[in-house]
Amino acid sequence: MQFARLDLLWILLAIIGLVLLIRWRRRKNYFAHPLLFYLKPHLHPASPLVYLPKFLEYVACGFLVVALLEPVLPYAERLVAKQGLDIIMVLDLSSSMQEPIDLKGSLERQRQGIKTKEKSRLEAVKEAMAAFVQRRQDDRLAVVVFSENGYVVAPMTFDAAYVRRYLQMVDNKTLAGEGQTAIGEGIFTSVDLALKQARGGKGATKGKVMVVLTDGENNTGRDLYEAIAKAKADNFKIHFIGVEVDRVRDAPRLIAAVESTGGKYYDVRDAKQLESAYADINNTERGAFLVKTLDKQVPWFYPFALASLGFLAASVALRAMPYFIEVS
């Protein structure tokens, strides 16, 4: 604990000294009566308890002085109830993500001789994800990427700026040595990350969302449906975004598996549809949980002020009793 106004200490000490001097110099009142001479053998010194109210007043004064010096805690950890989700964004980095986001439209523009810089699927996805992260200020966010294996790019955090920064660092060179699509590996990696960063308390098993984005089928790694079943068992809701996935052999089964978790399947063909998918996910319900925050220079005068008030009230209450009235 530190004091923000130690400069007041000398002023307060001077005031206390002045008050004590005035009390010492003040003439005391005496009670005299002829009968006291005959009662003197029967009189005894007063019990020390008689001075208890005065002692409480001095203690109250001491606590008040400490409160006036404005004590502060350099660092204080507190629990804050927040509304939000645990969201893990699972991004496909297979080689096909370098193709234009609107492949058919791009080919048509080339045929017509229209020259324009075509945005790749990865570039469009990163822009949509960055905008999505910007809107999720009360959520714990994480980024997992996959091609033939799953990798954690950003662990779960409330720092949206941190997530956006690492998201922008993802490019076609991130997993340059891999080229196939292992969606199941990305989901399994996300479930493992959630287990390692599990939060306790109220709402711990609610509000967990996984947003899986891919432009192909699962063609390597562990089984996709086992991964979805594992995520569902861990209370994850999965939203699946397929970017220009034209021929999925078992599309009905995949859609049914995704919807069984409470999530949605999105079939997007261009950047606008991609943004609409993320906007729809943004409307997902929220779950309650507690967050630890670290505050600096937290005022801590009120315990001393309350203690001073309590001792003063006790002194006043005792002085109302005849036993505690001082007679000189």
C-alpha atoms as a PDB file:
ATOM      1  CA  MET A   1       0.000   0.000   0.000  1.00  0.00           C
ATOM      2  CA  GLN A   2       1.195   3.527  -0.842  1.00  0.00           C
ATOM      3  CA  PHE A   3       0.016   7.035   0.071  1.00  0.00           C
ATOM      4  CA  ALA A   4      -0.783   9.585  -2.627  1.00  0.00           C
ATOM      5  CA  ARG A   5      -0.858  12.622  -0.290  1.00  0.00           C
ATOM      6  CA  LEU A   6       2.022  12.225   2.127  1.00  0.00           C
ATOM      7  CA  ASP A   7       2.528  16.001   1.833  1.00  0.00           C
ATOM      8  CA  LEU A   8      -0.563  16.417   4.055  1.00  0.00           C
ATOM      9  CA  LEU A   9       1.075  14.475   6.891  1.00  0.00           C
ATOM     10  CA  TRP A  10       2.890  17.477   8.358  1.00  0.00           C
ATOM     11  CA  ILE A  11      -0.236  19.631   8.211  1.00  0.00           C
ATOM     12  CA  LEU A  12      -2.291  16.937   9.911  1.00  0.00           C
ATOM     13  CA  LEU A  13       0.352  16.411  12.593  1.00  0.00           C
ATOM     14  CA  ALA A  14       0.400  20.160  13.262  1.00  0.00           C
ATOM     15  CA  ILE A  15      -3.397  20.248  13.597  1.00  0.00           C
ATOM     16  CA  ILE A  16      -3.410  17.231  15.946  1.00  0.00           C
ATOM     17  CA  GLY A  17      -0.656  18.821  18.042  1.00  0.00           C
ATOM     18  CA  LEU A  18      -2.595  22.070  18.275  1.00  0.00           C
ATOM     19  CA  VAL A  19      -5.766  20.245  19.382  1.00  0.00           C
ATOM     20  CA  LEU A  20      -3.852  18.331  22.065  1.00  0.00           C
ATOM     21  CA  LEU A  21      -2.238  21.545  23.294  1.00  0.00           C
ATOM     22  CA  ILE A  22      -5.616  23.272  23.602  1.00  0.00           C
ATOM     23  CA  ARG A  23      -7.035  20.310  25.525  1.00  0.00           C
ATOM     24  CA  TRP A  24      -4.032  20.305  27.856  1.00  0.00           C
ATOM     25  CA  ARG A  25      -4.255  24.046  28.501  1.00  0.00           C
ATOM     26  CA  ARG A  26      -8.021  24.020  28.979  1.00  0.00           C
ATOM     27  CA  ARG A  27      -9.081  24.354  32.628  1.00  0.00           C
ATOM     28  CA  LYS A  28     -10.674  21.203  33.936  1.00  0.00           C
ATOM     29  CA  ASN A  29     -14.047  21.198  35.707  1.00  0.00           C
ATOM     30  CA  TYR A  30     -14.230  19.928  39.266  1.00  0.00           C
ATOM     31  CA  PHE A  31     -17.127  18.761  41.385  1.00  0.00           C
ATOM     32  CA  ALA A  32     -17.020  19.769  45.084  1.00  0.00           C
ATOM     33  CA  HIS A  33     -19.407  19.006  47.961  1.00  0.00           C
ATOM     34  CA  PRO A  34     -18.993  18.897  51.799  1.00  0.00           C
ATOM     35  CA  LEU A  35     -20.169  15.310  51.911  1.00  0.00           C
ATOM     36  CA  LEU A  36     -17.159  14.226  49.845  1.00  0.00           C
ATOM     37  CA  PHE A  37     -14.963  14.631  52.972  1.00  0.00           C
ATOM     38  CA  TYR A  38     -16.998  11.987  54.792  1.00  0.00           C
ATOM     39  CA  LEU A  39     -17.279   9.773  51.691  1.00  0.00           C
ATOM     40  CA  LYS A  40     -13.544   9.880  50.934  1.00  0.00           C
ATOM     41  CA  PRO A  41     -12.739   6.563  52.742  1.00  0.00           C
ATOM     42  CA  HIS A  42     -15.370   4.847  50.643  1.00  0.00           C
ATOM     43  CA  LEU A  43     -14.250   6.318  47.264  1.00  0.00           C
ATOM     44  CA  HIS A  44     -12.085   4.217  44.941  1.00  0.00           C
ATOM     45  CA  PRO A  45     -10.274   5.062  41.675  1.00  0.00           C
ATOM     46  CA  ALA A  46     -12.437   4.825  38.599  1.00  0.00           C
ATOM     47  CA  SER A  47     -12.168   1.728  36.432  1.00  0.00           C
ATOM     48  CA  PRO A  48      -9.906   2.118  33.344  1.00  0.00           C
ATOM     49  CA  LEU A  49     -12.989   1.241  31.278  1.00  0.00           C
ATOM     50  CA  VAL A  50     -14.271   4.757  31.936  1.00  0.00           C
ATOM     51  CA  TYR A  51     -11.652   6.039  29.497  1.00  0.00           C
ATOM     52  CA  LEU A  52     -12.721   3.613  26.751  1.00  0.00           C
ATOM     53  CA  PRO A  53     -14.799   6.216  24.813  1.00  0.00           C
ATOM     54  CA  LYS A  54     -11.845   8.596  24.760  1.00  0.00           C
ATOM     55  CA  PHE A  55      -9.534   5.795  23.578  1.00  0.00           C
ATOM     56  CA  LEU A  56     -11.979   4.973  20.760  1.00  0.00           C
ATOM     57  CA  GLU A  57     -11.994   8.629  19.727  1.00  0.00           C
ATOM     58  CA  TYR A  58      -8.195   8.607  19.441  1.00  0.00           C
ATOM     59  CA  VAL A  59      -8.324   5.415  17.366  1.00  0.00           C
ATOM     60  CA  ALA A  60     -10.997   6.962  15.098  1.00  0.00           C
ATOM     61  CA  CYS A  61      -8.772  10.023  14.676  1.00  0.00           C
ATOM     62  CA  GLY A  62      -5.851   7.793  13.668  1.00  0.00           C
ATOM     63  CA  PHE A  63      -7.862   5.966  11.009  1.00  0.00           C
ATOM     64  CA  LEU A  64      -9.173   9.295   9.711  1.00  0.00           C
ATOM     65  CA  VAL A  65      -5.627  10.619   9.321  1.00  0.00           C
ATOM     66  CA  VAL A  66      -4.671   7.522   7.301  1.00  0.00           C
ATOM     67  CA  ALA A  67      -7.756   7.963   5.085  1.00  0.00           C
ATOM     68  CA  LEU A  68      -6.899  11.640   4.448  1.00  0.00           C
ATOM     69  CA  LEU A  69      -3.460  10.630   3.197  1.00  0.00           C
ATOM     70  CA  GLU A  70      -5.268   8.865   0.285  1.00  0.00           C
ATOM     71  CA  PRO A  71      -3.864   5.316   0.497  1.00  0.00           C
ATOM     72  CA  VAL A  72      -3.737   3.440  -2.822  1.00  0.00           C
ATOM     73  CA  LEU A  73      -2.929  -0.116  -3.833  1.00  0.00           C
ATOM     74  CA  PRO A  74      -0.161  -0.139  -6.493  1.00  0.00           C
ATOM     75  CA  TYR A  75      -1.771  -3.179  -8.171  1.00  0.00           C
ATOM     76  CA  ALA A  76      -5.124  -4.815  -7.508  1.00  0.00           C
ATOM     77  CA  GLU A  77      -6.640  -7.874  -9.187  1.00  0.00           C
ATOM     78  CA  ARG A  78     -10.414  -8.032  -9.421  1.00  0.00           C
ATOM     79  CA  LEU A  79     -13.036 -10.229 -11.035  1.00  0.00           C
ATOM     80  CA  VAL A  80     -15.290  -8.603 -13.615  1.00  0.00           C
ATOM     81  CA  ALA A  81     -18.377 -10.256 -15.078  1.00  0.00           C
ATOM     82  CA  LYS A  82     -18.267 -10.040 -18.862  1.00  0.00           C
ATOM     83  CA  GLN A  83     -20.464 -11.252 -21.664  1.00  0.00           C
ATOM     84  CA  GLY A  84     -18.725 -12.991 -24.519  1.00  0.00           C
ATOM     85  CA  LEU A  85     -17.622 -16.141 -26.251  1.00  0.00           C
ATOM     86  CA  ASP A  86     -14.545 -18.278 -26.664  1.00  0.00           C
ATOM     87  CA  ILE A  87     -14.051 -18.061 -30.429  1.00  0.00           C
ATOM     88  CA  ILE A  88     -11.407 -20.032 -32.295  1.00  0.00           C
ATOM     89  CA  MET A  89     -10.995 -19.123 -35.960  1.00  0.00           C
ATOM     90  CA  VAL A  90      -9.682 -22.100 -37.932  1.00  0.00           C
ATOM     91  CA  LEU A  91      -8.167 -21.051 -41.261  1.00  0.00           C
ATOM     92  CA  ASP A  92      -7.252 -23.229 -44.235  1.00  0.00           C
ATOM     93  CA  LEU A  93      -3.759 -22.428 -45.640  1.00  0.00           C
ATOM     94  CA  SER A  94      -3.652 -25.083 -48.335  1.00  0.00           C
ATOM     95  CA  SER A  95      -2.177 -24.073 -51.704  1.00  0.00           C
ATOM     96  CA  SER A  96      -5.594 -23.485 -53.300  1.00  0.00           C
ATOM     97  CA  MET A  97      -6.165 -20.476 -50.998  1.00  0.00           C
ATOM     98  CA  GLN A  98      -3.918 -18.475 -53.372  1.00  0.00           C
ATOM     99  CA  GLU A  99      -6.535 -18.660 -56.139  1.00  0.00           C
ATOM    100  CA  PRO A 100      -8.821 -15.644 -56.730  1.00  0.00           C
ATOM    101  CA  ILE A 101     -11.783 -15.366 -54.345  1.00  0.00           C
ATOM    102  CA  ASP A 102     -14.201 -15.195 -57.288  1.00  0.00           C
ATOM    103  CA  LEU A 103     -12.572 -17.675 -59.651  1.00  0.00           C
ATOM    104  CA  LYS A 104     -15.404 -17.797 -62.209  1.00  0.00           C
ATOM    105  CA  GLY A 105     -15.732 -14.022 -62.221  1.00  0.00           C
ATOM    106  CA  SER A 106     -11.973 -13.680 -62.605  1.00  0.00           C
ATOM    107  CA  LEU A 107     -11.927 -15.996 -65.623  1.00  0.00           C
ATOM    108  CA  GLU A 108     -14.825 -14.085 -67.161  1.00  0.00           C
ATOM    109  CA  ARG A 109     -13.044 -10.757 -66.718  1.00  0.00           C
ATOM    110  CA  GLN A 110      -9.914 -12.193 -68.316  1.00  0.00           C
ATOM    111  CA  ARG A 111     -11.982 -13.422 -71.254  1.00  0.00           C
ATOM    112  CA  GLN A 112     -13.420  -9.937 -71.691  1.00  0.00           C
ATOM    113  CA  GLY A 113      -9.957  -8.365 -71.501  1.00  0.00           C
ATOM    114  CA  ILE A 114     -10.645  -6.532 -68.231  1.00  0.00           C
ATOM    115  CA  LYS A 115      -7.385  -6.086 -66.363  1.00  0.00           C
ATOM    116  CA  THR A 116      -7.708  -5.801 -62.581  1.00  0.00           C
ATOM    117  CA  LYS A 117      -5.814  -7.023 -59.533  1.00  0.00           C
ATOM    118  CA  GLU A 118      -7.690 -10.087 -58.365  1.00  0.00           C
ATOM    119  CA  LYS A 119      -7.904 -10.589 -54.590  1.00  0.00           C
ATOM    120  CA  SER A 120      -6.864 -14.056 -53.484  1.00  0.00           C
ATOM    121  CA  ARG A 121      -9.079 -16.179 -51.257  1.00  0.00           C
ATOM    122  CA  LEU A 122      -6.586 -15.818 -48.409  1.00  0.00           C
ATOM    123  CA  GLU A 123      -6.486 -12.019 -48.736  1.00  0.00           C
ATOM    124  CA  ALA A 124     -10.287 -11.779 -48.770  1.00  0.00           C
ATOM    125  CA  VAL A 125     -10.575 -14.138 -45.798  1.00  0.00           C
ATOM    126  CA  LYS A 126      -7.994 -12.194 -43.755  1.00  0.00           C
ATOM    127  CA  GLU A 127      -9.891  -8.940 -44.379  1.00  0.00           C
ATOM    128  CA  ALA A 128     -13.217 -10.495 -43.351  1.00  0.00           C
ATOM    129  CA  MET A 129     -11.675 -12.091 -40.267  1.00  0.00           C
ATOM    130  CA  ALA A 130     -10.003  -8.818 -39.210  1.00  0.00           C
ATOM    131  CA  ALA A 131     -13.351  -6.998 -39.452  1.00  0.00           C
ATOM    132  CA  PHE A 132     -14.993  -9.803 -37.470  1.00  0.00           C
ATOM    133  CA  VAL A 133     -12.335  -9.591 -34.729  1.00  0.00           C
ATOM    134  CA  GLN A 134     -12.857  -5.829 -34.513  1.00  0.00           C
ATOM    135  CA  ARG A 135     -16.519  -6.405 -33.602  1.00  0.00           C
ATOM    136  CA  ARG A 136     -15.803  -9.019 -30.906  1.00  0.00           C
ATOM    137  CA  GLN A 137     -14.307  -6.856 -28.155  1.00  0.00           C
ATOM    138  CA  ASP A 138     -15.733  -8.907 -25.249  1.00  0.00           C
ATOM    139  CA  ASP A 139     -14.636 -12.326 -26.520  1.00  0.00           C
ATOM    140  CA  ARG A 140     -11.588 -14.511 -26.079  1.00  0.00           C
ATOM    141  CA  LEU A 141     -10.238 -15.001 -29.581  1.00  0.00           C
ATOM    142  CA  ALA A 142      -7.723 -17.422 -31.063  1.00  0.00           C
ATOM    143  CA  VAL A 143      -6.397 -18.255 -34.530  1.00  0.00           C
ATOM    144  CA  VAL A 144      -5.493 -21.772 -35.686  1.00  0.00           C
ATOM    145  CA  VAL A 145      -4.232 -22.506 -39.217  1.00  0.00           C
ATOM    146  CA  PHE A 146      -3.971 -25.823 -41.004  1.00  0.00           C
ATOM    147  CA  SER A 147      -2.913 -27.448 -44.209  1.00  0.00           C
ATOM    148  CA  GLU A 148      -1.635 -30.977 -43.619  1.00  0.00           C
ATOM    149  CA  ASN A 149      -1.351 -30.287 -39.857  1.00  0.00           C
ATOM    150  CA  GLY A 150      -2.876 -27.842 -37.412  1.00  0.00           C
ATOM    151  CA  TYR A 151      -0.909 -24.962 -35.809  1.00  0.00           C
ATOM    152  CA  VAL A 152      -1.784 -22.303 -33.218  1.00  0.00           C
ATOM    153  CA  VAL A 153      -1.000 -18.817 -34.531  1.00  0.00           C
ATOM    154  CA  ALA A 154      -2.567 -16.854 -31.659  1.00  0.00           C
ATOM    155  CA  PRO A 155      -3.732 -18.435 -28.365  1.00  0.00           C
ATOM    156  CA  MET A 156      -7.009 -17.312 -26.818  1.00  0.00           C
ATOM    157  CA  THR A 157      -6.869 -13.737 -25.608  1.00  0.00           C
ATOM    158  CA  PHE A 158      -9.056 -10.668 -25.054  1.00  0.00           C
ATOM    159  CA  ASP A 159      -6.494  -8.526 -26.888  1.00  0.00           C
ATOM    160  CA  ALA A 160      -8.188  -8.076 -30.268  1.00  0.00           C
ATOM    161  CA  ALA A 161      -5.304  -5.937 -31.558  1.00  0.00           C
ATOM    162  CA  TYR A 162      -2.895  -8.785 -30.818  1.00  0.00           C
ATOM    163  CA  VAL A 163      -5.079 -11.238 -32.764  1.00  0.00           C
ATOM    164  CA  ARG A 164      -5.392  -8.888 -35.755  1.00  0.00           C
ATOM    165  CA  ARG A 165      -1.621  -8.320 -35.797  1.00  0.00           C
ATOM    166  CA  TYR A 166      -0.847 -12.031 -35.911  1.00  0.00           C
ATOM    167  CA  LEU A 167      -3.631 -12.621 -38.386  1.00  0.00           C
ATOM    168  CA  GLN A 168      -2.010 -10.152 -40.794  1.00  0.00           C
ATOM    169  CA  MET A 169       1.281 -12.066 -40.495  1.00  0.00           C
ATOM    170  CA  VAL A 170      -0.336 -15.192 -41.976  1.00  0.00           C
ATOM    171  CA  ASP A 171       0.449 -15.565 -45.682  1.00  0.00           C
ATOM    172  CA  ASN A 172       1.160 -18.173 -48.340  1.00  0.00           C
ATOM    173  CA  LYS A 173       4.657 -18.749 -46.895  1.00  0.00           C
ATOM    174  CA  THR A 174       3.375 -19.662 -43.409  1.00  0.00           C
ATOM    175  CA  LEU A 175       2.897 -23.329 -44.335  1.00  0.00           C
ATOM    176  CA  ALA A 176       4.925 -23.314 -47.548  1.00  0.00           C
ATOM    177  CA  GLY A 177       6.009 -26.954 -47.112  1.00  0.00           C
ATOM    178  CA  GLU A 178       2.442 -28.242 -46.988  1.00  0.00           C
ATOM    179  CA  GLY A 179      -0.272 -28.212 -49.614  1.00  0.00           C
ATOM    180  CA  GLN A 180      -3.102 -30.639 -48.810  1.00  0.00           C
ATOM    181  CA  THR A 181      -6.214 -30.011 -46.702  1.00  0.00           C
ATOM    182  CA  ALA A 182      -6.553 -31.590 -43.246  1.00  0.00           C
ATOM    183  CA  ILE A 183      -9.648 -29.924 -41.789  1.00  0.00           C
ATOM    184  CA  GLY A 184      -9.879 -32.528 -39.041  1.00  0.00           C
ATOM    185  CA  GLU A 185      -6.368 -31.652 -37.851  1.00  0.00           C
ATOM    186  CA  GLY A 186      -7.332 -27.989 -37.567  1.00  0.00           C
ATOM    187  CA  ILE A 187     -10.401 -28.848 -35.473  1.00  0.00           C
ATOM    188  CA  PHE A 188      -8.497 -31.261 -33.221  1.00  0.00           C
ATOM    189  CA  THR A 189      -5.788 -28.612 -32.664  1.00  0.00           C
ATOM    190  CA  SER A 190      -8.466 -26.087 -31.710  1.00  0.00           C
ATOM    191  CA  VAL A 191     -10.074 -28.463 -29.221  1.00  0.00           C
ATOM    192  CA  ASP A 192      -6.668 -29.123 -27.624  1.00  0.00           C
ATOM    193  CA  LEU A 193      -6.026 -25.362 -27.379  1.00  0.00           C
ATOM    194  CA  ALA A 194      -9.402 -24.807 -25.697  1.00  0.00           C
ATOM    195  CA  LEU A 195      -8.620 -27.570 -23.194  1.00  0.00           C
ATOM    196  CA  LYS A 196      -5.269 -25.996 -22.298  1.00  0.00           C
ATOM    197  CA  GLN A 197      -6.825 -22.551 -21.859  1.00  0.00           C
ATOM    198  CA  ALA A 198     -10.084 -23.685 -20.256  1.00  0.00           C
ATOM    199  CA  ARG A 199     -11.678 -21.136 -17.946  1.00  0.00           C
ATOM    200  CA  GLY A 200     -13.513 -21.997 -14.758  1.00  0.00           C
ATOM    201  CA  GLY A 201     -16.516 -20.516 -13.010  1.00  0.00           C
ATOM    202  CA  LYS A 202     -19.996 -19.715 -14.218  1.00  0.00           C
ATOM    203  CA  GLY A 203     -20.524 -20.229 -17.930  1.00  0.00           C
ATOM    204  CA  ALA A 204     -17.332 -22.253 -18.369  1.00  0.00           C
ATOM    205  CA  THR A 205     -19.043 -24.802 -20.640  1.00  0.00           C
ATOM    206  CA  LYS A 206     -21.096 -22.292 -22.600  1.00  0.00           C
ATOM    207  CA  GLY A 207     -20.358 -19.843 -25.389  1.00  0.00           C
ATOM    208  CA  LYS A 208     -17.611 -21.800 -27.174  1.00  0.00           C
ATOM    209  CA  VAL A 209     -17.561 -21.257 -30.929  1.00  0.00           C
ATOM    210  CA  MET A 210     -15.328 -22.513 -33.710  1.00  0.00           C
ATOM    211  CA  VAL A 211     -15.364 -20.862 -37.127  1.00  0.00           C
ATOM    212  CA  VAL A 212     -13.822 -23.224 -39.691  1.00  0.00           C
ATOM    213  CA  LEU A 213     -12.969 -21.792 -43.115  1.00  0.00           C
ATOM    214  CA  THR A 214     -11.764 -23.912 -46.018  1.00  0.00           C
ATOM    215  CA  ASP A 215     -11.876 -23.986 -49.794  1.00  0.00           C
ATOM    216  CA  GLY A 216     -11.543 -27.757 -50.180  1.00  0.00           C
ATOM    217  CA  GLU A 217     -12.371 -31.186 -48.853  1.00  0.00           C
ATOM    218  CA  ASN A 218     -10.634 -33.053 -46.060  1.00  0.00           C
ATOM    219  CA  ASN A 219      -8.101 -35.160 -48.007  1.00  0.00           C
ATOM    220  CA  THR A 220      -5.486 -35.995 -45.368  1.00  0.00           C
ATOM    221  CA  GLY A 221      -4.999 -36.286 -41.611  1.00  0.00           C
ATOM    222  CA  ARG A 222      -7.486 -37.485 -39.031  1.00  0.00           C
ATOM    223  CA  ASP A 223     -11.145 -38.020 -39.823  1.00  0.00           C
ATOM    224  CA  LEU A 224     -13.194 -34.824 -40.121  1.00  0.00           C
ATOM    225  CA  TYR A 225     -16.342 -36.266 -38.561  1.00  0.00           C
ATOM    226  CA  GLU A 226     -14.450 -37.611 -35.560  1.00  0.00           C
ATOM    227  CA  ALA A 227     -13.053 -34.091 -35.087  1.00  0.00           C
ATOM    228  CA  ILE A 228     -16.528 -32.540 -35.262  1.00  0.00           C
ATOM    229  CA  ALA A 229     -17.858 -35.123 -32.786  1.00  0.00           C
ATOM    230  CA  LYS A 230     -14.975 -34.318 -30.419  1.00  0.00           C
ATOM    231  CA  ALA A 231     -15.667 -30.592 -30.662  1.00  0.00           C
ATOM    232  CA  LYS A 232     -19.374 -31.175 -30.038  1.00  0.00           C
ATOM    233  CA  ALA A 233     -18.576 -33.292 -26.948  1.00  0.00           C
ATOM    234  CA  ASP A 234     -16.522 -30.342 -25.665  1.00  0.00           C
ATOM    235  CA  ASN A 235     -19.550 -28.024 -26.082  1.00  0.00           C
ATOM    236  CA  PHE A 236     -18.293 -26.274 -29.212  1.00  0.00           C
ATOM    237  CA  LYS A 237     -20.661 -24.776 -31.726  1.00  0.00           C
ATOM    238  CA  ILE A 238     -19.075 -25.060 -35.180  1.00  0.00           C
ATOM    239  CA  HIS A 239     -19.750 -22.629 -38.020  1.00  0.00           C
ATOM    240  CA  PHE A 240     -18.359 -23.988 -41.289  1.00  0.00           C
ATOM    241  CA  ILE A 241     -17.566 -21.623 -44.176  1.00  0.00           C
ATOM    242  CA  GLY A 242     -16.867 -23.290 -47.514  1.00  0.00           C
ATOM    243  CA  VAL A 243     -15.245 -20.892 -50.012  1.00  0.00           C
ATOM    244  CA  GLU A 244     -16.156 -21.950 -53.559  1.00  0.00           C
ATOM    245  CA  VAL A 245     -16.333 -25.628 -52.610  1.00  0.00           C
ATOM    246  CA  ASP A 246     -18.068 -26.873 -55.749  1.00  0.00           C
ATOM    247  CA  ARG A 247     -17.948 -30.628 -55.399  1.00  0.00           C
ATOM    248  CA  VAL A 248     -18.118 -32.009 -51.848  1.00  0.00           C
ATOM    249  CA  ARG A 249     -18.760 -35.728 -52.081  1.00  0.00           C
ATOM    250  CA  ASP A 250     -20.669 -35.944 -48.797  1.00  0.00           C
ATOM    251  CA  ALA A 251     -22.037 -32.413 -48.484  1.00  0.00           C
ATOM    252  CA  PRO A 252     -25.328 -33.482 -46.823  1.00  0.00           C
ATOM    253  CA  ARG A 253     -23.435 -35.435 -44.161  1.00  0.00           C
ATOM    254  CA  LEU A 254     -21.055 -32.523 -43.510  1.00  0.00           C
ATOM    255  CA  ILE A 255     -23.910 -30.019 -43.226  1.00  0.00           C
ATOM    256  CA  ALA A 256     -25.796 -32.334 -40.855  1.00  0.00           C
ATOM    257  CA  ALA A 257     -22.683 -32.807 -38.677  1.00  0.00           C
ATOM    258  CA  VAL A 258     -22.116 -29.031 -38.474  1.00  0.00           C
ATOM    259  CA  GLU A 259     -25.755 -28.288 -37.679  1.00  0.00           C
ATOM    260  CA  SER A 260     -25.763 -30.973 -34.962  1.00  0.00           C
ATOM    261  CA  THR A 261     -23.340 -28.767 -33.000  1.00  0.00           C
ATOM    262  CA  GLY A 262     -25.787 -25.844 -33.221  1.00  0.00           C
ATOM    263  CA  GLY A 263     -23.774 -24.067 -35.898  1.00  0.00           C
ATOM    264  CA  LYS A 264     -24.359 -23.209 -39.545  1.00  0.00           C
ATOM    265  CA  TYR A 265     -22.864 -24.154 -42.887  1.00  0.00           C
ATOM    266  CA  TYR A 266     -22.099 -21.269 -45.286  1.00  0.00           C
ATOM    267  CA  ASP A 267     -21.431 -21.715 -48.988  1.00  0.00           C
ATOM    268  CA  VAL A 268     -19.714 -18.499 -50.153  1.00  0.00           C
ATOM    269  CA  ARG A 269     -18.665 -17.581 -53.681  1.00  0.00           C
ATOM    270  CA  ASP A 270     -17.209 -14.080 -53.383  1.00  0.00           C
ATOM    271  CA  ALA A 271     -15.926 -11.505 -50.879  1.00  0.00           C
ATOM    272  CA  LYS A 272     -19.386 -10.040 -50.277  1.00  0.00           C
ATOM    273  CA  GLN A 273     -20.881 -13.415 -49.336  1.00  0.00           C
ATOM    274  CA  LEU A 274     -17.844 -14.064 -47.137  1.00  0.00           C
ATOM    275  CA  GLU A 275     -18.438 -10.822 -45.217  1.00  0.00           C
ATOM    276  CA  SER A 276     -22.139 -11.687 -44.890  1.00  0.00           C
ATOM    277  CA  ALA A 277     -21.248 -15.063 -43.367  1.00  0.00           C
ATOM    278  CA  TYR A 278     -19.043 -13.468 -40.725  1.00  0.00           C
ATOM    279  CA  ALA A 279     -21.699 -10.814 -40.035  1.00  0.00           C
ATOM    280  CA  ASP A 280     -24.244 -13.573 -39.421  1.00  0.00           C
ATOM    281  CA  ILE A 281     -21.873 -15.372 -37.046  1.00  0.00           C
ATOM    282  CA  ASN A 282     -21.363 -12.065 -35.243  1.00  0.00           C
ATOM    283  CA  ASN A 283     -24.996 -12.261 -34.110  1.00  0.00           C
ATOM    284  CA  THR A 284     -24.379 -15.503 -32.171  1.00  0.00           C
ATOM    285  CA  GLU A 285     -25.658 -15.539 -28.564  1.00  0.00           C
ATOM    286  CA  ARG A 286     -23.223 -14.657 -25.815  1.00  0.00           C
ATOM    287  CA  GLY A 287     -22.193 -16.563 -22.697  1.00  0.00           C
ATOM    288  CA  ALA A 288     -21.399 -15.120 -19.264  1.00  0.00           C
ATOM    289  CA  PHE A 289     -18.040 -15.573 -17.560  1.00  0.00           C
ATOM    290  CA  LEU A 290     -15.699 -13.875 -15.074  1.00  0.00           C
ATOM    291  CA  VAL A 291     -12.527 -12.075 -16.081  1.00  0.00           C
ATOM    292  CA  LYS A 292      -9.537 -11.140 -13.922  1.00  0.00           C
ATOM    293  CA  THR A 293      -8.323  -7.593 -14.514  1.00  0.00           C
ATOM    294  CA  LEU A 294      -5.242  -5.901 -13.058  1.00  0.00           C
ATOM    295  CA  ASP A 295      -5.789  -2.290 -11.995  1.00  0.00           C
ATOM    296  CA  LYS A 296      -3.064   0.199 -11.042  1.00  0.00           C
ATOM    297  CA  GLN A 297      -3.233   2.845  -8.303  1.00  0.00           C
ATOM    298  CA  VAL A 298      -6.558   1.670  -6.864  1.00  0.00           C
ATOM    299  CA  PRO A 299      -7.902   4.062  -4.127  1.00  0.00           C
ATOM    300  CA  TRP A 300      -8.062   2.301  -0.759  1.00  0.00           C
ATOM    301  CA  PHE A 301      -9.161   5.049   1.652  1.00  0.00           C
ATOM    302  CA  TYR A 302     -12.689   3.812   2.311  1.00  0.00           C
ATOM    303  CA  PRO A 303     -11.774   0.948   4.720  1.00  0.00           C
ATOM    304  CA  PHE A 304      -9.977   3.466   6.946  1.00  0.00           C
ATOM    305  CA  ALA A 305     -12.792   6.012   6.663  1.00  0.00           C
ATOM    306  CA  LEU A 306     -15.387   3.375   7.572  1.00  0.00           C
ATOM    307  CA  ALA A 307     -13.258   2.172  10.491  1.00  0.00           C
ATOM    308  CA  SER A 308     -12.947   5.766  11.760  1.00  0.00           C
ATOM    309  CA  LEU A 309     -16.709   6.243  11.544  1.00  0.00           C
ATOM    310  CA  GLY A 310     -17.314   2.952  13.346  1.00  0.00           C
ATOM    311  CA  PHE A 311     -15.010   3.748  16.275  1.00  0.00           C
ATOM    312  CA  LEU A 312     -16.493   7.240  16.580  1.00  0.00           C
ATOM    313  CA  ALA A 313     -20.024   5.840  16.643  1.00  0.00           C
ATOM    314  CA  ALA A 314     -18.987   3.329  19.330  1.00  0.00           C
ATOM    315  CA  SER A 315     -17.531   6.158  21.423  1.00  0.00           C
ATOM    316  CA  VAL A 316     -20.724   8.207  21.171  1.00  0.00           C
ATOM    317  CA  ALA A 317     -22.820   5.166  22.104  1.00  0.00           C
ATOM    318  CA  LEU A 318     -20.669   4.455  25.193  1.00  0.00           C
ATOM    319  CA  ARG A 319     -20.825   8.080  26.387  1.00  0.00           C
ATOM    320  CA  ALA A 320     -24.603   7.759  26.484  1.00  0.00           C
ATOM    321  CA  MET A 321     -24.186   5.251  29.329  1.00  0.00           C
ATOM    322  CA  PRO A 322     -23.783   6.719  32.867  1.00  0.00           C
ATOM    323  CA  TYR A 323     -21.010   4.246  33.679  1.00  0.00           C
ATOM    324  CA  PHE A 324     -18.671   5.848  31.100  1.00  0.00           C
ATOM    325  CA  ILE A 325     -19.180   9.460  32.246  1.00  0.00           C
ATOM    326  CA  GLU A 326     -15.913  10.841  33.607  1.00  0.00           C
ATOM    327  CA  VAL A 327     -16.182  12.740  36.896  1.00  0.00           C
ATOM    328  CA  SER A 328     -13.120  14.675  38.169  1.00  0.00           C
END
